[in-house]
Amino acid sequence: MWWGVGATIIVVATWAAVRAGTKDVRYVGMTVGKALRVKAPIIEQVLLAMGQERCTLLANQIRSWPQSMIQTAVSVVFVYQIVKNKHPGNVEWWRARIEEKGLSSNLDLDDRDLVHVS
């Protein structure tokens, strides 16, 4: 009986730690996902590849300046998706999705430094 209570406590503590550790990833994923009307796990994949420190920095910037930082976050996602899959159909799909939402899909040389995938 006591082992069941102990196992439950361990499971709940692990769940709480994971939720607390990924709150920035989930926040940015939901915010950018809503802006582009794509599922949050697609955005979260980009953020997890960037690493916790850069994700936290991006989350803090989006919380501070939500309107101006959405374009930067969208550029990060766009660059990552191009690097991940260079197929012209994929690039055009993301470009159309971004432009459909009224954001700029044009990238300049500074945008390539936005994504640092570890």
PDB file of N, CA and C in Angstrom:
ATOM      1  N   MET A   1       0.812  -1.197   0.000  1.00  0.00           N
ATOM      2  CA  MET A   1       0.000   0.000   0.000  1.00  0.00           C
ATOM      3  C   MET A   1       0.855   1.261   0.000  1.00  0.00           C
ATOM      4  N   TRP A   2       1.856   1.294   0.888  1.00  0.00           N
ATOM      5  CA  TRP A   2       2.696   2.487   0.976  1.00  0.00           C
ATOM      6  C   TRP A   2       3.547   2.679  -0.272  1.00  0.00           C
ATOM      7  N   TRP A   3       3.907   1.581  -0.921  1.00  0.00           N
ATOM      8  CA  TRP A   3       4.696   1.713  -2.154  1.00  0.00           C
ATOM      9  C   TRP A   3       3.868   2.383  -3.238  1.00  0.00           C
ATOM     10  N   GLY A   4       2.552   2.162  -3.263  1.00  0.00           N
ATOM     11  CA  GLY A   4       1.671   2.809  -4.236  1.00  0.00           C
ATOM     12  C   GLY A   4       1.604   4.311  -4.014  1.00  0.00           C
ATOM     13  N   VAL A   5       1.537   4.723  -2.756  1.00  0.00           N
ATOM     14  CA  VAL A   5       1.525   6.150  -2.413  1.00  0.00           C
ATOM     15  C   VAL A   5       2.860   6.783  -2.799  1.00  0.00           C
ATOM     16  N   GLY A   6       3.944   6.084  -2.500  1.00  0.00           N
ATOM     17  CA  GLY A   6       5.275   6.601  -2.845  1.00  0.00           C
ATOM     18  C   GLY A   6       5.463   6.732  -4.349  1.00  0.00           C
ATOM     19  N   ALA A   7       5.001   5.728  -5.095  1.00  0.00           N
ATOM     20  CA  ALA A   7       5.105   5.782  -6.561  1.00  0.00           C
ATOM     21  C   ALA A   7       4.265   6.924  -7.125  1.00  0.00           C
ATOM     22  N   THR A   8       3.092   7.144  -6.549  1.00  0.00           N
ATOM     23  CA  THR A   8       2.235   8.240  -6.997  1.00  0.00           C
ATOM     24  C   THR A   8       2.904   9.583  -6.745  1.00  0.00           C
ATOM     25  N   ILE A   9       3.518   9.738  -5.610  1.00  0.00           N
ATOM     26  CA  ILE A   9       4.216  10.991  -5.282  1.00  0.00           C
ATOM     27  C   ILE A   9       5.364  11.231  -6.256  1.00  0.00           C
ATOM     28  N   ILE A  10       6.112  10.199  -6.583  1.00  0.00           N
ATOM     29  CA  ILE A  10       7.225  10.325  -7.527  1.00  0.00           C
ATOM     30  C   ILE A  10       6.715  10.708  -8.911  1.00  0.00           C
ATOM     31  N   VAL A  11       5.645  10.088  -9.354  1.00  0.00           N
ATOM     32  CA  VAL A  11       5.082  10.398 -10.666  1.00  0.00           C
ATOM     33  C   VAL A  11       4.588  11.842 -10.712  1.00  0.00           C
ATOM     34  N   VAL A  12       3.888  12.292  -9.691  1.00  0.00           N
ATOM     35  CA  VAL A  12       3.371  13.659  -9.651  1.00  0.00           C
ATOM     36  C   VAL A  12       4.521  14.664  -9.591  1.00  0.00           C
ATOM     37  N   ALA A  13       5.546  14.385  -8.814  1.00  0.00           N
ATOM     38  CA  ALA A  13       6.699  15.289  -8.720  1.00  0.00           C
ATOM     39  C   ALA A  13       7.432  15.372 -10.056  1.00  0.00           C
ATOM     40  N   THR A  14       7.586  14.244 -10.743  1.00  0.00           N
ATOM     41  CA  THR A  14       8.238  14.244 -12.062  1.00  0.00           C
ATOM     42  C   THR A  14       7.413  15.031 -13.057  1.00  0.00           C
ATOM     43  N   TRP A  15       6.107  14.839 -13.061  1.00  0.00           N
ATOM     44  CA  TRP A  15       5.214  15.573 -13.965  1.00  0.00           C
ATOM     45  C   TRP A  15       5.310  17.078 -13.712  1.00  0.00           C
ATOM     46  N   ALA A  16       5.306  17.477 -12.437  1.00  0.00           N
ATOM     47  CA  ALA A  16       5.385  18.901 -12.099  1.00  0.00           C
ATOM     48  C   ALA A  16       6.729  19.492 -12.531  1.00  0.00           C
ATOM     49  N   ALA A  17       7.797  18.745 -12.361  1.00  0.00           N
ATOM     50  CA  ALA A  17       9.118  19.241 -12.763  1.00  0.00           C
ATOM     51  C   ALA A  17       9.210  19.417 -14.274  1.00  0.00           C
ATOM     52  N   VAL A  18       8.666  18.471 -15.025  1.00  0.00           N
ATOM     53  CA  VAL A  18       8.688  18.573 -16.488  1.00  0.00           C
ATOM     54  C   VAL A  18       7.849  19.762 -16.939  1.00  0.00           C
ATOM     55  N   ARG A  19       6.674  19.936 -16.363  1.00  0.00           N
ATOM     56  CA  ARG A  19       5.809  21.065 -16.723  1.00  0.00           C
ATOM     57  C   ARG A  19       6.502  22.395 -16.412  1.00  0.00           C
ATOM     58  N   ALA A  20       7.150  22.486 -15.264  1.00  0.00           N
ATOM     59  CA  ALA A  20       7.836  23.727 -14.892  1.00  0.00           C
ATOM     60  C   ALA A  20       9.038  23.975 -15.800  1.00  0.00           C
ATOM     61  N   GLY A  21       9.737  22.928 -16.194  1.00  0.00           N
ATOM     62  CA  GLY A  21      10.922  23.069 -17.035  1.00  0.00           C
ATOM     63  C   GLY A  21      10.623  23.416 -18.477  1.00  0.00           C
ATOM     64  N   THR A  22       9.413  23.125 -18.913  1.00  0.00           N
ATOM     65  CA  THR A  22       9.069  23.377 -20.313  1.00  0.00           C
ATOM     66  C   THR A  22       8.024  24.480 -20.475  1.00  0.00           C
ATOM     67  N   LYS A  23       7.808  25.289 -19.453  1.00  0.00           N
ATOM     68  CA  LYS A  23       6.766  26.322 -19.547  1.00  0.00           C
ATOM     69  C   LYS A  23       7.096  27.356 -20.617  1.00  0.00           C
ATOM     70  N   ASP A  24       8.362  27.724 -20.778  1.00  0.00           N
ATOM     71  CA  ASP A  24       8.733  28.696 -21.813  1.00  0.00           C
ATOM     72  C   ASP A  24       8.522  28.117 -23.205  1.00  0.00           C
ATOM     73  N   VAL A  25       8.875  26.858 -23.380  1.00  0.00           N
ATOM     74  CA  VAL A  25       8.693  26.200 -24.675  1.00  0.00           C
ATOM     75  C   VAL A  25       7.210  26.168 -25.030  1.00  0.00           C
ATOM     76  N   ARG A  26       6.381  25.798 -24.064  1.00  0.00           N
ATOM     77  CA  ARG A  26       4.943  25.730 -24.323  1.00  0.00           C
ATOM     78  C   ARG A  26       4.351  27.110 -24.587  1.00  0.00           C
ATOM     79  N   TYR A  27       4.817  28.136 -23.848  1.00  0.00           N
ATOM     80  CA  TYR A  27       4.304  29.497 -24.044  1.00  0.00           C
ATOM     81  C   TYR A  27       4.624  30.015 -25.448  1.00  0.00           C
ATOM     82  N   VAL A  28       5.874  29.902 -25.848  1.00  0.00           N
ATOM     83  CA  VAL A  28       6.268  30.372 -27.186  1.00  0.00           C
ATOM     84  C   VAL A  28       5.587  29.532 -28.256  1.00  0.00           C
ATOM     85  N   GLY A  29       5.509  28.231 -28.039  1.00  0.00           N
ATOM     86  CA  GLY A  29       4.839  27.358 -29.002  1.00  0.00           C
ATOM     87  C   GLY A  29       3.391  27.748 -29.219  1.00  0.00           C
ATOM     88  N   MET A  30       2.683  28.050 -28.138  1.00  0.00           N
ATOM     89  CA  MET A  30       1.282  28.456 -28.266  1.00  0.00           C
ATOM     90  C   MET A  30       1.157  29.838 -28.908  1.00  0.00           C
ATOM     91  N   THR A  31       2.013  30.766 -28.513  1.00  0.00           N
ATOM     92  CA  THR A  31       1.934  32.138 -29.032  1.00  0.00           C
ATOM     93  C   THR A  31       2.225  32.182 -30.530  1.00  0.00           C
ATOM     94  N   VAL A  32       3.325  31.583 -30.940  1.00  0.00           N
ATOM     95  CA  VAL A  32       3.697  31.597 -32.357  1.00  0.00           C
ATOM     96  C   VAL A  32       2.769  30.682 -33.151  1.00  0.00           C
ATOM     97  N   GLY A  33       2.379  29.567 -32.558  1.00  0.00           N
ATOM     98  CA  GLY A  33       1.437  28.666 -33.218  1.00  0.00           C
ATOM     99  C   GLY A  33       0.118  29.348 -33.533  1.00  0.00           C
ATOM    100  N   LYS A  34      -0.387  30.147 -32.594  1.00  0.00           N
ATOM    101  CA  LYS A  34      -1.623  30.891 -32.832  1.00  0.00           C
ATOM    102  C   LYS A  34      -1.431  31.946 -33.908  1.00  0.00           C
ATOM    103  N   ALA A  35      -0.272  32.595 -33.906  1.00  0.00           N
ATOM    104  CA  ALA A  35      -0.009  33.641 -34.905  1.00  0.00           C
ATOM    105  C   ALA A  35       0.028  33.055 -36.319  1.00  0.00           C
ATOM    106  N   LEU A  36       0.580  31.863 -36.458  1.00  0.00           N
ATOM    107  CA  LEU A  36       0.701  31.230 -37.782  1.00  0.00           C
ATOM    108  C   LEU A  36      -0.409  30.224 -38.070  1.00  0.00           C
ATOM    109  N   ARG A  37      -1.224  29.939 -37.064  1.00  0.00           N
ATOM    110  CA  ARG A  37      -2.277  28.923 -37.168  1.00  0.00           C
ATOM    111  C   ARG A  37      -1.684  27.563 -37.560  1.00  0.00           C
ATOM    112  N   VAL A  38      -0.645  27.179 -36.829  1.00  0.00           N
ATOM    113  CA  VAL A  38      -0.066  25.842 -36.937  1.00  0.00           C
ATOM    114  C   VAL A  38      -0.076  25.232 -35.539  1.00  0.00           C
ATOM    115  N   LYS A  39       0.064  23.936 -35.472  1.00  0.00           N
ATOM    116  CA  LYS A  39       0.035  23.261 -34.182  1.00  0.00           C
ATOM    117  C   LYS A  39       1.275  23.607 -33.365  1.00  0.00           C
ATOM    118  N   ALA A  40       1.068  23.794 -32.078  1.00  0.00           N
ATOM    119  CA  ALA A  40       2.155  24.174 -31.168  1.00  0.00           C
ATOM    120  C   ALA A  40       3.321  23.181 -31.170  1.00  0.00           C
ATOM    121  N   PRO A  41       3.109  21.864 -31.260  1.00  0.00           N
ATOM    122  CA  PRO A  41       4.263  20.952 -31.259  1.00  0.00           C
ATOM    123  C   PRO A  41       5.251  21.195 -32.402  1.00  0.00           C
ATOM    124  N   ILE A  42       4.778  21.721 -33.523  1.00  0.00           N
ATOM    125  CA  ILE A  42       5.692  22.043 -34.630  1.00  0.00           C
ATOM    126  C   ILE A  42       6.633  23.158 -34.197  1.00  0.00           C
ATOM    127  N   ILE A  43       6.104  24.151 -33.514  1.00  0.00           N
ATOM    128  CA  ILE A  43       6.924  25.268 -33.029  1.00  0.00           C
ATOM    129  C   ILE A  43       7.803  24.805 -31.876  1.00  0.00           C
ATOM    130  N   GLU A  44       7.263  23.977 -31.001  1.00  0.00           N
ATOM    131  CA  GLU A  44       8.032  23.488 -29.860  1.00  0.00           C
ATOM    132  C   GLU A  44       9.248  22.680 -30.298  1.00  0.00           C
ATOM    133  N   GLN A  45       9.133  21.978 -31.410  1.00  0.00           N
ATOM    134  CA  GLN A  45      10.260  21.217 -31.951  1.00  0.00           C
ATOM    135  C   GLN A  45      11.427  22.147 -32.281  1.00  0.00           C
ATOM    136  N   VAL A  46      11.108  23.297 -32.851  1.00  0.00           N
ATOM    137  CA  VAL A  46      12.140  24.297 -33.164  1.00  0.00           C
ATOM    138  C   VAL A  46      12.794  24.782 -31.882  1.00  0.00           C
ATOM    139  N   LEU A  47      11.984  25.097 -30.899  1.00  0.00           N
ATOM    140  CA  LEU A  47      12.499  25.648 -29.647  1.00  0.00           C
ATOM    141  C   LEU A  47      13.352  24.647 -28.886  1.00  0.00           C
ATOM    142  N   LEU A  48      12.943  23.399 -28.880  1.00  0.00           N
ATOM    143  CA  LEU A  48      13.736  22.377 -28.193  1.00  0.00           C
ATOM    144  C   LEU A  48      15.075  22.169 -28.880  1.00  0.00           C
ATOM    145  N   ALA A  49      15.109  22.321 -30.192  1.00  0.00           N
ATOM    146  CA  ALA A  49      16.374  22.198 -30.917  1.00  0.00           C
ATOM    147  C   ALA A  49      17.291  23.383 -30.618  1.00  0.00           C
ATOM    148  N   MET A  50      16.709  24.540 -30.313  1.00  0.00           N
ATOM    149  CA  MET A  50      17.501  25.734 -30.004  1.00  0.00           C
ATOM    150  C   MET A  50      18.170  25.643 -28.646  1.00  0.00           C
ATOM    151  N   GLY A  51      17.557  24.934 -27.719  1.00  0.00           N
ATOM    152  CA  GLY A  51      18.100  24.824 -26.376  1.00  0.00           C
ATOM    153  C   GLY A  51      17.310  25.665 -25.386  1.00  0.00           C
ATOM    154  N   GLN A  52      17.408  25.293 -24.113  1.00  0.00           N
ATOM    155  CA  GLN A  52      16.611  25.921 -23.067  1.00  0.00           C
ATOM    156  C   GLN A  52      16.959  27.402 -22.868  1.00  0.00           C
ATOM    157  N   GLU A  53      18.243  27.729 -22.916  1.00  0.00           N
ATOM    158  CA  GLU A  53      18.646  29.114 -22.658  1.00  0.00           C
ATOM    159  C   GLU A  53      18.095  30.074 -23.717  1.00  0.00           C
ATOM    160  N   ARG A  54      18.239  29.714 -24.986  1.00  0.00           N
ATOM    161  CA  ARG A  54      17.729  30.579 -26.058  1.00  0.00           C
ATOM    162  C   ARG A  54      16.204  30.623 -26.066  1.00  0.00           C
ATOM    163  N   CYS A  55      15.573  29.517 -25.726  1.00  0.00           N
ATOM    164  CA  CYS A  55      14.115  29.490 -25.663  1.00  0.00           C
ATOM    165  C   CYS A  55      13.610  30.409 -24.549  1.00  0.00           C
ATOM    166  N   THR A  56      14.261  30.365 -23.400  1.00  0.00           N
ATOM    167  CA  THR A  56      13.875  31.239 -22.293  1.00  0.00           C
ATOM    168  C   THR A  56      14.051  32.702 -22.673  1.00  0.00           C
ATOM    169  N   LEU A  57      15.142  33.017 -23.350  1.00  0.00           N
ATOM    170  CA  LEU A  57      15.377  34.386 -23.799  1.00  0.00           C
ATOM    171  C   LEU A  57      14.277  34.843 -24.764  1.00  0.00           C
ATOM    172  N   LEU A  58      13.934  34.007 -25.723  1.00  0.00           N
ATOM    173  CA  LEU A  58      12.877  34.339 -26.673  1.00  0.00           C
ATOM    174  C   LEU A  58      11.528  34.483 -25.967  1.00  0.00           C
ATOM    175  N   ALA A  59      11.238  33.602 -25.015  1.00  0.00           N
ATOM    176  CA  ALA A  59       9.978  33.687 -24.270  1.00  0.00           C
ATOM    177  C   ALA A  59       9.888  34.982 -23.486  1.00  0.00           C
ATOM    178  N   ASN A  60      10.976  35.371 -22.835  1.00  0.00           N
ATOM    179  CA  ASN A  60      10.983  36.630 -22.079  1.00  0.00           C
ATOM    180  C   ASN A  60      10.794  37.835 -22.993  1.00  0.00           C
ATOM    181  N   GLN A  61      11.398  37.798 -24.173  1.00  0.00           N
ATOM    182  CA  GLN A  61      11.237  38.903 -25.111  1.00  0.00           C
ATOM    183  C   GLN A  61       9.808  38.966 -25.648  1.00  0.00           C
ATOM    184  N   ILE A  62       9.205  37.825 -25.901  1.00  0.00           N
ATOM    185  CA  ILE A  62       7.821  37.824 -26.387  1.00  0.00           C
ATOM    186  C   ILE A  62       6.881  38.322 -25.296  1.00  0.00           C
ATOM    187  N   ARG A  63       7.154  37.965 -24.050  1.00  0.00           N
ATOM    188  CA  ARG A  63       6.319  38.467 -22.946  1.00  0.00           C
ATOM    189  C   ARG A  63       6.460  39.982 -22.804  1.00  0.00           C
ATOM    190  N   SER A  64       7.660  40.511 -23.030  1.00  0.00           N
ATOM    191  CA  SER A  64       7.901  41.952 -22.869  1.00  0.00           C
ATOM    192  C   SER A  64       7.360  42.769 -24.033  1.00  0.00           C
ATOM    193  N   TRP A  65       7.605  42.309 -25.260  1.00  0.00           N
ATOM    194  CA  TRP A  65       7.190  43.029 -26.468  1.00  0.00           C
ATOM    195  C   TRP A  65       6.461  42.067 -27.393  1.00  0.00           C
ATOM    196  N   PRO A  66       5.214  41.720 -27.091  1.00  0.00           N
ATOM    197  CA  PRO A  66       4.550  40.649 -27.852  1.00  0.00           C
ATOM    198  C   PRO A  66       4.402  40.944 -29.343  1.00  0.00           C
ATOM    199  N   GLN A  67       4.035  42.138 -29.720  1.00  0.00           N
ATOM    200  CA  GLN A  67       3.783  42.409 -31.131  1.00  0.00           C
ATOM    201  C   GLN A  67       5.065  42.447 -31.957  1.00  0.00           C
ATOM    202  N   SER A  68       6.088  43.085 -31.441  1.00  0.00           N
ATOM    203  CA  SER A  68       7.324  43.228 -32.226  1.00  0.00           C
ATOM    204  C   SER A  68       8.146  41.942 -32.272  1.00  0.00           C
ATOM    205  N   MET A  69       8.020  41.099 -31.262  1.00  0.00           N
ATOM    206  CA  MET A  69       8.838  39.888 -31.220  1.00  0.00           C
ATOM    207  C   MET A  69       8.217  38.715 -31.980  1.00  0.00           C
ATOM    208  N   ILE A  70       6.936  38.802 -32.315  1.00  0.00           N
ATOM    209  CA  ILE A  70       6.311  37.717 -33.072  1.00  0.00           C
ATOM    210  C   ILE A  70       7.012  37.555 -34.420  1.00  0.00           C
ATOM    211  N   GLN A  71       7.345  38.669 -35.083  1.00  0.00           N
ATOM    212  CA  GLN A  71       8.037  38.591 -36.373  1.00  0.00           C
ATOM    213  C   GLN A  71       9.383  37.894 -36.216  1.00  0.00           C
ATOM    214  N   THR A  72      10.102  38.194 -35.155  1.00  0.00           N
ATOM    215  CA  THR A  72      11.388  37.538 -34.914  1.00  0.00           C
ATOM    216  C   THR A  72      11.198  36.041 -34.681  1.00  0.00           C
ATOM    217  N   ALA A  73      10.206  35.684 -33.883  1.00  0.00           N
ATOM    218  CA  ALA A  73       9.947  34.268 -33.620  1.00  0.00           C
ATOM    219  C   ALA A  73       9.527  33.541 -34.900  1.00  0.00           C
ATOM    220  N   VAL A  74       8.737  34.196 -35.731  1.00  0.00           N
ATOM    221  CA  VAL A  74       8.327  33.598 -36.999  1.00  0.00           C
ATOM    222  C   VAL A  74       9.541  33.407 -37.904  1.00  0.00           C
ATOM    223  N   SER A  75      10.456  34.370 -37.912  1.00  0.00           N
ATOM    224  CA  SER A  75      11.679  34.231 -38.704  1.00  0.00           C
ATOM    225  C   SER A  75      12.512  33.050 -38.221  1.00  0.00           C
ATOM    226  N   VAL A  76      12.568  32.866 -36.896  1.00  0.00           N
ATOM    227  CA  VAL A  76      13.296  31.720 -36.335  1.00  0.00           C
ATOM    228  C   VAL A  76      12.697  30.414 -36.842  1.00  0.00           C
ATOM    229  N   VAL A  77      11.373  30.311 -36.787  1.00  0.00           N
ATOM    230  CA  VAL A  77      10.698  29.096 -37.238  1.00  0.00           C
ATOM    231  C   VAL A  77      10.935  28.882 -38.729  1.00  0.00           C
ATOM    232  N   PHE A  78      10.843  29.946 -39.506  1.00  0.00           N
ATOM    233  CA  PHE A  78      11.013  29.854 -40.956  1.00  0.00           C
ATOM    234  C   PHE A  78      12.424  29.384 -41.313  1.00  0.00           C
ATOM    235  N   VAL A  79      13.435  29.977 -40.696  1.00  0.00           N
ATOM    236  CA  VAL A  79      14.821  29.582 -40.966  1.00  0.00           C
ATOM    237  C   VAL A  79      15.038  28.124 -40.567  1.00  0.00           C
ATOM    238  N   TYR A  80      14.524  27.738 -39.404  1.00  0.00           N
ATOM    239  CA  TYR A  80      14.687  26.355 -38.958  1.00  0.00           C
ATOM    240  C   TYR A  80      14.031  25.383 -39.927  1.00  0.00           C
ATOM    241  N   GLN A  81      12.833  25.703 -40.384  1.00  0.00           N
ATOM    242  CA  GLN A  81      12.132  24.814 -41.305  1.00  0.00           C
ATOM    243  C   GLN A  81      12.858  24.705 -42.643  1.00  0.00           C
ATOM    244  N   ILE A  82      13.477  25.793 -43.088  1.00  0.00           N
ATOM    245  CA  ILE A  82      14.255  25.743 -44.328  1.00  0.00           C
ATOM    246  C   ILE A  82      15.490  24.861 -44.138  1.00  0.00           C
ATOM    247  N   VAL A  83      16.165  25.032 -43.011  1.00  0.00           N
ATOM    248  CA  VAL A  83      17.357  24.222 -42.743  1.00  0.00           C
ATOM    249  C   VAL A  83      16.984  22.755 -42.614  1.00  0.00           C
ATOM    250  N   LYS A  84      15.876  22.482 -41.966  1.00  0.00           N
ATOM    251  CA  LYS A  84      15.437  21.108 -41.733  1.00  0.00           C
ATOM    252  C   LYS A  84      15.010  20.415 -43.024  1.00  0.00           C
ATOM    253  N   ASN A  85      14.289  21.122 -43.880  1.00  0.00           N
ATOM    254  CA  ASN A  85      13.776  20.521 -45.106  1.00  0.00           C
ATOM    255  C   ASN A  85      13.820  21.572 -46.211  1.00  0.00           C
ATOM    256  N   LYS A  86      14.802  21.461 -47.090  1.00  0.00           N
ATOM    257  CA  LYS A  86      15.021  22.465 -48.136  1.00  0.00           C
ATOM    258  C   LYS A  86      14.178  22.241 -49.381  1.00  0.00           C
ATOM    259  N   HIS A  87      13.261  21.303 -49.330  1.00  0.00           N
ATOM    260  CA  HIS A  87      12.418  21.019 -50.491  1.00  0.00           C
ATOM    261  C   HIS A  87      11.621  22.278 -50.859  1.00  0.00           C
ATOM    262  N   PRO A  88      11.589  22.650 -52.144  1.00  0.00           N
ATOM    263  CA  PRO A  88      10.879  23.872 -52.555  1.00  0.00           C
ATOM    264  C   PRO A  88       9.413  23.905 -52.117  1.00  0.00           C
ATOM    265  N   GLY A  89       8.756  22.756 -52.078  1.00  0.00           N
ATOM    266  CA  GLY A  89       7.361  22.726 -51.640  1.00  0.00           C
ATOM    267  C   GLY A  89       7.215  23.112 -50.181  1.00  0.00           C
ATOM    268  N   ASN A  90       8.149  22.649 -49.340  1.00  0.00           N
ATOM    269  CA  ASN A  90       8.123  23.001 -47.929  1.00  0.00           C
ATOM    270  C   ASN A  90       8.382  24.494 -47.735  1.00  0.00           C
ATOM    271  N   VAL A  91       9.378  25.012 -48.441  1.00  0.00           N
ATOM    272  CA  VAL A  91       9.705  26.438 -48.318  1.00  0.00           C
ATOM    273  C   VAL A  91       8.524  27.289 -48.764  1.00  0.00           C
ATOM    274  N   GLU A  92       7.898  26.925 -49.868  1.00  0.00           N
ATOM    275  CA  GLU A  92       6.744  27.699 -50.356  1.00  0.00           C
ATOM    276  C   GLU A  92       5.553  27.602 -49.413  1.00  0.00           C
ATOM    277  N   TRP A  93       5.342  26.428 -48.799  1.00  0.00           N
ATOM    278  CA  TRP A  93       4.232  26.282 -47.867  1.00  0.00           C
ATOM    279  C   TRP A  93       4.407  27.221 -46.680  1.00  0.00           C
ATOM    280  N   TRP A  94       5.631  27.229 -46.103  1.00  0.00           N
ATOM    281  CA  TRP A  94       5.884  28.108 -44.958  1.00  0.00           C
ATOM    282  C   TRP A  94       5.813  29.571 -45.371  1.00  0.00           C
ATOM    283  N   ARG A  95       6.352  29.912 -46.537  1.00  0.00           N
ATOM    284  CA  ARG A  95       6.301  31.293 -47.009  1.00  0.00           C
ATOM    285  C   ARG A  95       4.843  31.744 -47.181  1.00  0.00           C
ATOM    286  N   ALA A  96       4.022  30.903 -47.781  1.00  0.00           N
ATOM    287  CA  ALA A  96       2.610  31.239 -47.977  1.00  0.00           C
ATOM    288  C   ALA A  96       1.887  31.375 -46.639  1.00  0.00           C
ATOM    289  N   ARG A  97       2.184  30.481 -45.702  1.00  0.00           N
ATOM    290  CA  ARG A  97       1.557  30.524 -44.378  1.00  0.00           C
ATOM    291  C   ARG A  97       1.900  31.820 -43.656  1.00  0.00           C
ATOM    292  N   ILE A  98       3.164  32.224 -43.731  1.00  0.00           N
ATOM    293  CA  ILE A  98       3.611  33.442 -43.052  1.00  0.00           C
ATOM    294  C   ILE A  98       2.985  34.674 -43.694  1.00  0.00           C
ATOM    295  N   GLU A  99       3.009  34.738 -45.021  1.00  0.00           N
ATOM    296  CA  GLU A  99       2.445  35.901 -45.711  1.00  0.00           C
ATOM    297  C   GLU A  99       0.930  35.966 -45.554  1.00  0.00           C
ATOM    298  N   GLU A 100       0.274  34.819 -45.476  1.00  0.00           N
ATOM    299  CA  GLU A 100      -1.179  34.764 -45.284  1.00  0.00           C
ATOM    300  C   GLU A 100      -1.584  35.416 -43.960  1.00  0.00           C
ATOM    301  N   LYS A 101      -0.721  35.341 -42.971  1.00  0.00           N
ATOM    302  CA  LYS A 101      -1.007  35.935 -41.660  1.00  0.00           C
ATOM    303  C   LYS A 101      -0.537  37.377 -41.549  1.00  0.00           C
ATOM    304  N   GLY A 102      -0.070  37.948 -42.663  1.00  0.00           N
ATOM    305  CA  GLY A 102       0.324  39.352 -42.674  1.00  0.00           C
ATOM    306  C   GLY A 102       1.713  39.625 -42.126  1.00  0.00           C
ATOM    307  N   LEU A 103       2.537  38.612 -42.055  1.00  0.00           N
ATOM    308  CA  LEU A 103       3.909  38.783 -41.570  1.00  0.00           C
ATOM    309  C   LEU A 103       4.861  38.700 -42.750  1.00  0.00           C
ATOM    310  N   SER A 104       6.071  39.174 -42.549  1.00  0.00           N
ATOM    311  CA  SER A 104       7.054  39.190 -43.626  1.00  0.00           C
ATOM    312  C   SER A 104       7.810  37.864 -43.683  1.00  0.00           C
ATOM    313  N   SER A 105       7.913  37.313 -44.884  1.00  0.00           N
ATOM    314  CA  SER A 105       8.689  36.078 -45.058  1.00  0.00           C
ATOM    315  C   SER A 105      10.053  36.368 -45.684  1.00  0.00           C
ATOM    316  N   ASN A 106      10.389  37.644 -45.846  1.00  0.00           N
ATOM    317  CA  ASN A 106      11.694  38.008 -46.393  1.00  0.00           C
ATOM    318  C   ASN A 106      12.747  37.874 -45.312  1.00  0.00           C
ATOM    319  N   LEU A 107      13.850  37.252 -45.653  1.00  0.00           N
ATOM    320  CA  LEU A 107      14.940  37.043 -44.715  1.00  0.00           C
ATOM    321  C   LEU A 107      16.146  37.849 -45.171  1.00  0.00           C
ATOM    322  N   ASP A 108      16.858  38.427 -44.221  1.00  0.00           N
ATOM    323  CA  ASP A 108      18.099  39.098 -44.556  1.00  0.00           C
ATOM    324  C   ASP A 108      19.251  38.374 -43.850  1.00  0.00           C
ATOM    325  N   LEU A 109      20.445  38.911 -43.973  1.00  0.00           N
ATOM    326  CA  LEU A 109      21.615  38.228 -43.411  1.00  0.00           C
ATOM    327  C   LEU A 109      21.565  38.120 -41.889  1.00  0.00           C
ATOM    328  N   ASP A 110      20.898  39.055 -41.223  1.00  0.00           N
ATOM    329  CA  ASP A 110      20.809  38.986 -39.765  1.00  0.00           C
ATOM    330  C   ASP A 110      19.924  37.837 -39.303  1.00  0.00           C
ATOM    331  N   ASP A 111      18.966  37.443 -40.117  1.00  0.00           N
ATOM    332  CA  ASP A 111      18.051  36.382 -39.736  1.00  0.00           C
ATOM    333  C   ASP A 111      18.723  35.019 -39.634  1.00  0.00           C
ATOM    334  N   ARG A 112      19.809  34.830 -40.343  1.00  0.00           N
ATOM    335  CA  ARG A 112      20.476  33.526 -40.282  1.00  0.00           C
ATOM    336  C   ARG A 112      21.139  33.312 -38.925  1.00  0.00           C
ATOM    337  N   ASP A 113      21.398  34.392 -38.197  1.00  0.00           N
ATOM    338  CA  ASP A 113      21.988  34.265 -36.875  1.00  0.00           C
ATOM    339  C   ASP A 113      20.946  34.026 -35.791  1.00  0.00           C
ATOM    340  N   LEU A 114      19.678  34.117 -36.130  1.00  0.00           N
ATOM    341  CA  LEU A 114      18.628  33.942 -35.125  1.00  0.00           C
ATOM    342  C   LEU A 114      18.548  32.500 -34.633  1.00  0.00           C
ATOM    343  N   VAL A 115      18.739  31.573 -35.532  1.00  0.00           N
ATOM    344  CA  VAL A 115      18.595  30.161 -35.169  1.00  0.00           C
ATOM    345  C   VAL A 115      19.978  29.579 -34.906  1.00  0.00           C
ATOM    346  N   HIS A 116      20.137  29.064 -33.723  1.00  0.00           N
ATOM    347  CA  HIS A 116      21.364  28.338 -33.393  1.00  0.00           C
ATOM    348  C   HIS A 116      20.912  26.987 -32.877  1.00  0.00           C
ATOM    349  N   VAL A 117      20.990  26.001 -33.706  1.00  0.00           N
ATOM    350  CA  VAL A 117      20.550  24.664 -33.349  1.00  0.00           C
ATOM    351  C   VAL A 117      21.749  23.906 -32.802  1.00  0.00           C
ATOM    352  N   SER A 118      21.606  23.445 -31.564  1.00  0.00           N
ATOM    353  CA  SER A 118      22.730  22.713 -30.964  1.00  0.00           C
ATOM    354  C   SER A 118      22.638  21.235 -31.220  1.00  0.00           C
TER     355      SER A 118
END
